[in-house]
Amino acid sequence: MKTLVAICLLLCLTACSNKAVYQDLQRNKRNECLQLPPAEYDKCMQPMDISYEEYERQRQQVLKNKNHNSKEQ
């Protein structure tokens, strides 16, 4: 039982740290966009609209497709 709780806790902490890393990367990218001329700013900011949850969903889909394709070969 203790092992199960420890595993669940570890998984939760990993997910939290992944989200924090994603948010830090987004913040850094936004800061880079702020340094650009106004004409390039909007284009730079477009990828910033994706939430972590959407990013993770897309990431899981890509991984799933990659694994599926490698099994077919």
C-alpha atoms as a PDB file:
ATOM      1  CA  MET A   1       0.000   0.000   0.000  1.00  0.00           C
ATOM      2  CA  LYS A   2       2.810   2.401   0.877  1.00  0.00           C
ATOM      3  CA  THR A   3       4.476   1.620  -2.436  1.00  0.00           C
ATOM      4  CA  LEU A   4       1.300   2.462  -4.342  1.00  0.00           C
ATOM      5  CA  VAL A   5       0.957   5.779  -2.516  1.00  0.00           C
ATOM      6  CA  ALA A   6       4.615   6.578  -3.211  1.00  0.00           C
ATOM      7  CA  ILE A   7       4.190   5.800  -6.919  1.00  0.00           C
ATOM      8  CA  CYS A   8       1.064   7.950  -7.151  1.00  0.00           C
ATOM      9  CA  LEU A   9       2.822  10.800  -5.378  1.00  0.00           C
ATOM     10  CA  LEU A  10       5.833  10.509  -7.675  1.00  0.00           C
ATOM     11  CA  LEU A  11       3.603  10.578 -10.766  1.00  0.00           C
ATOM     12  CA  CYS A  12       1.810  13.672  -9.491  1.00  0.00           C
ATOM     13  CA  LEU A  13       5.085  15.446  -8.785  1.00  0.00           C
ATOM     14  CA  THR A  14       6.406  14.558 -12.233  1.00  0.00           C
ATOM     15  CA  ALA A  15       3.279  15.937 -13.886  1.00  0.00           C
ATOM     16  CA  CYS A  16       3.533  19.125 -11.845  1.00  0.00           C
ATOM     17  CA  SER A  17       7.178  19.613 -12.730  1.00  0.00           C
ATOM     18  CA  ASN A  18       6.457  18.966 -16.434  1.00  0.00           C
ATOM     19  CA  LYS A  19       3.783  21.636 -16.363  1.00  0.00           C
ATOM     20  CA  ALA A  20       6.128  24.044 -14.580  1.00  0.00           C
ATOM     21  CA  VAL A  21       8.826  23.466 -17.197  1.00  0.00           C
ATOM     22  CA  TYR A  22       6.294  24.044 -19.976  1.00  0.00           C
ATOM     23  CA  GLN A  23       5.143  27.282 -18.355  1.00  0.00           C
ATOM     24  CA  ASP A  24       8.734  28.484 -17.907  1.00  0.00           C
ATOM     25  CA  LEU A  25       9.491  27.772 -21.561  1.00  0.00           C
ATOM     26  CA  GLN A  26       6.351  29.648 -22.588  1.00  0.00           C
ATOM     27  CA  ARG A  27       7.330  32.612 -20.412  1.00  0.00           C
ATOM     28  CA  ASN A  28      10.827  32.682 -21.939  1.00  0.00           C
ATOM     29  CA  LYS A  29       9.377  32.548 -25.437  1.00  0.00           C
ATOM     30  CA  ARG A  30       6.997  35.421 -24.637  1.00  0.00           C
ATOM     31  CA  ASN A  31       9.960  37.472 -23.428  1.00  0.00           C
ATOM     32  CA  GLU A  32      11.753  36.741 -26.706  1.00  0.00           C
ATOM     33  CA  CYS A  33       8.671  37.821 -28.652  1.00  0.00           C
ATOM     34  CA  LEU A  34       8.619  41.115 -26.772  1.00  0.00           C
ATOM     35  CA  GLN A  35      12.057  41.904 -28.173  1.00  0.00           C
ATOM     36  CA  LEU A  36      10.839  41.623 -31.787  1.00  0.00           C
ATOM     37  CA  PRO A  37       9.523  44.435 -33.962  1.00  0.00           C
ATOM     38  CA  PRO A  38       5.717  44.869 -33.797  1.00  0.00           C
ATOM     39  CA  ALA A  39       5.284  43.347 -37.259  1.00  0.00           C
ATOM     40  CA  GLU A  40       6.804  40.046 -36.071  1.00  0.00           C
ATOM     41  CA  TYR A  41       5.328  40.008 -32.559  1.00  0.00           C
ATOM     42  CA  ASP A  42       1.902  38.557 -33.459  1.00  0.00           C
ATOM     43  CA  LYS A  43       3.406  35.740 -35.497  1.00  0.00           C
ATOM     44  CA  CYS A  44       5.805  34.943 -32.668  1.00  0.00           C
ATOM     45  CA  MET A  45       2.991  34.867 -30.099  1.00  0.00           C
ATOM     46  CA  GLN A  46       0.650  32.549 -32.035  1.00  0.00           C
ATOM     47  CA  PRO A  47       2.115  29.316 -30.627  1.00  0.00           C
ATOM     48  CA  MET A  48       1.708  30.724 -27.100  1.00  0.00           C
ATOM     49  CA  ASP A  49      -2.066  30.233 -27.231  1.00  0.00           C
ATOM     50  CA  ILE A  50      -1.861  26.502 -26.512  1.00  0.00           C
ATOM     51  CA  SER A  51      -2.489  25.420 -22.918  1.00  0.00           C
ATOM     52  CA  TYR A  52      -0.339  22.821 -21.202  1.00  0.00           C
ATOM     53  CA  GLU A  53      -3.257  20.401 -21.223  1.00  0.00           C
ATOM     54  CA  GLU A  54      -3.696  20.773 -25.009  1.00  0.00           C
ATOM     55  CA  TYR A  55       0.067  20.489 -25.521  1.00  0.00           C
ATOM     56  CA  GLU A  56       0.139  17.289 -23.466  1.00  0.00           C
ATOM     57  CA  ARG A  57      -2.847  15.839 -25.361  1.00  0.00           C
ATOM     58  CA  GLN A  58      -1.135  16.520 -28.693  1.00  0.00           C
ATOM     59  CA  ARG A  59       2.143  15.138 -27.382  1.00  0.00           C
ATOM     60  CA  GLN A  60       0.514  11.915 -26.228  1.00  0.00           C
ATOM     61  CA  GLN A  61      -1.188  11.541 -29.618  1.00  0.00           C
ATOM     62  CA  VAL A  62       2.140  11.930 -31.431  1.00  0.00           C
ATOM     63  CA  LEU A  63       3.784   9.385 -29.127  1.00  0.00           C
ATOM     64  CA  LYS A  64       0.900   6.983 -29.627  1.00  0.00           C
ATOM     65  CA  ASN A  65       1.130   7.337 -33.411  1.00  0.00           C
ATOM     66  CA  LYS A  66       4.909   6.927 -33.319  1.00  0.00           C
ATOM     67  CA  ASN A  67       4.636   3.717 -31.284  1.00  0.00           C
ATOM     68  CA  HIS A  68       1.852   2.425 -33.521  1.00  0.00           C
ATOM     69  CA  ASN A  69       3.885   3.111 -36.674  1.00  0.00           C
ATOM     70  CA  SER A  70       7.041   1.475 -35.308  1.00  0.00           C
ATOM     71  CA  LYS A  71       5.088  -1.682 -34.413  1.00  0.00           C
ATOM     72  CA  GLU A  72       3.778  -1.956 -37.981  1.00  0.00           C
ATOM     73  CA  GLN A  73       7.299  -1.976 -39.448  1.00  0.00           C
END
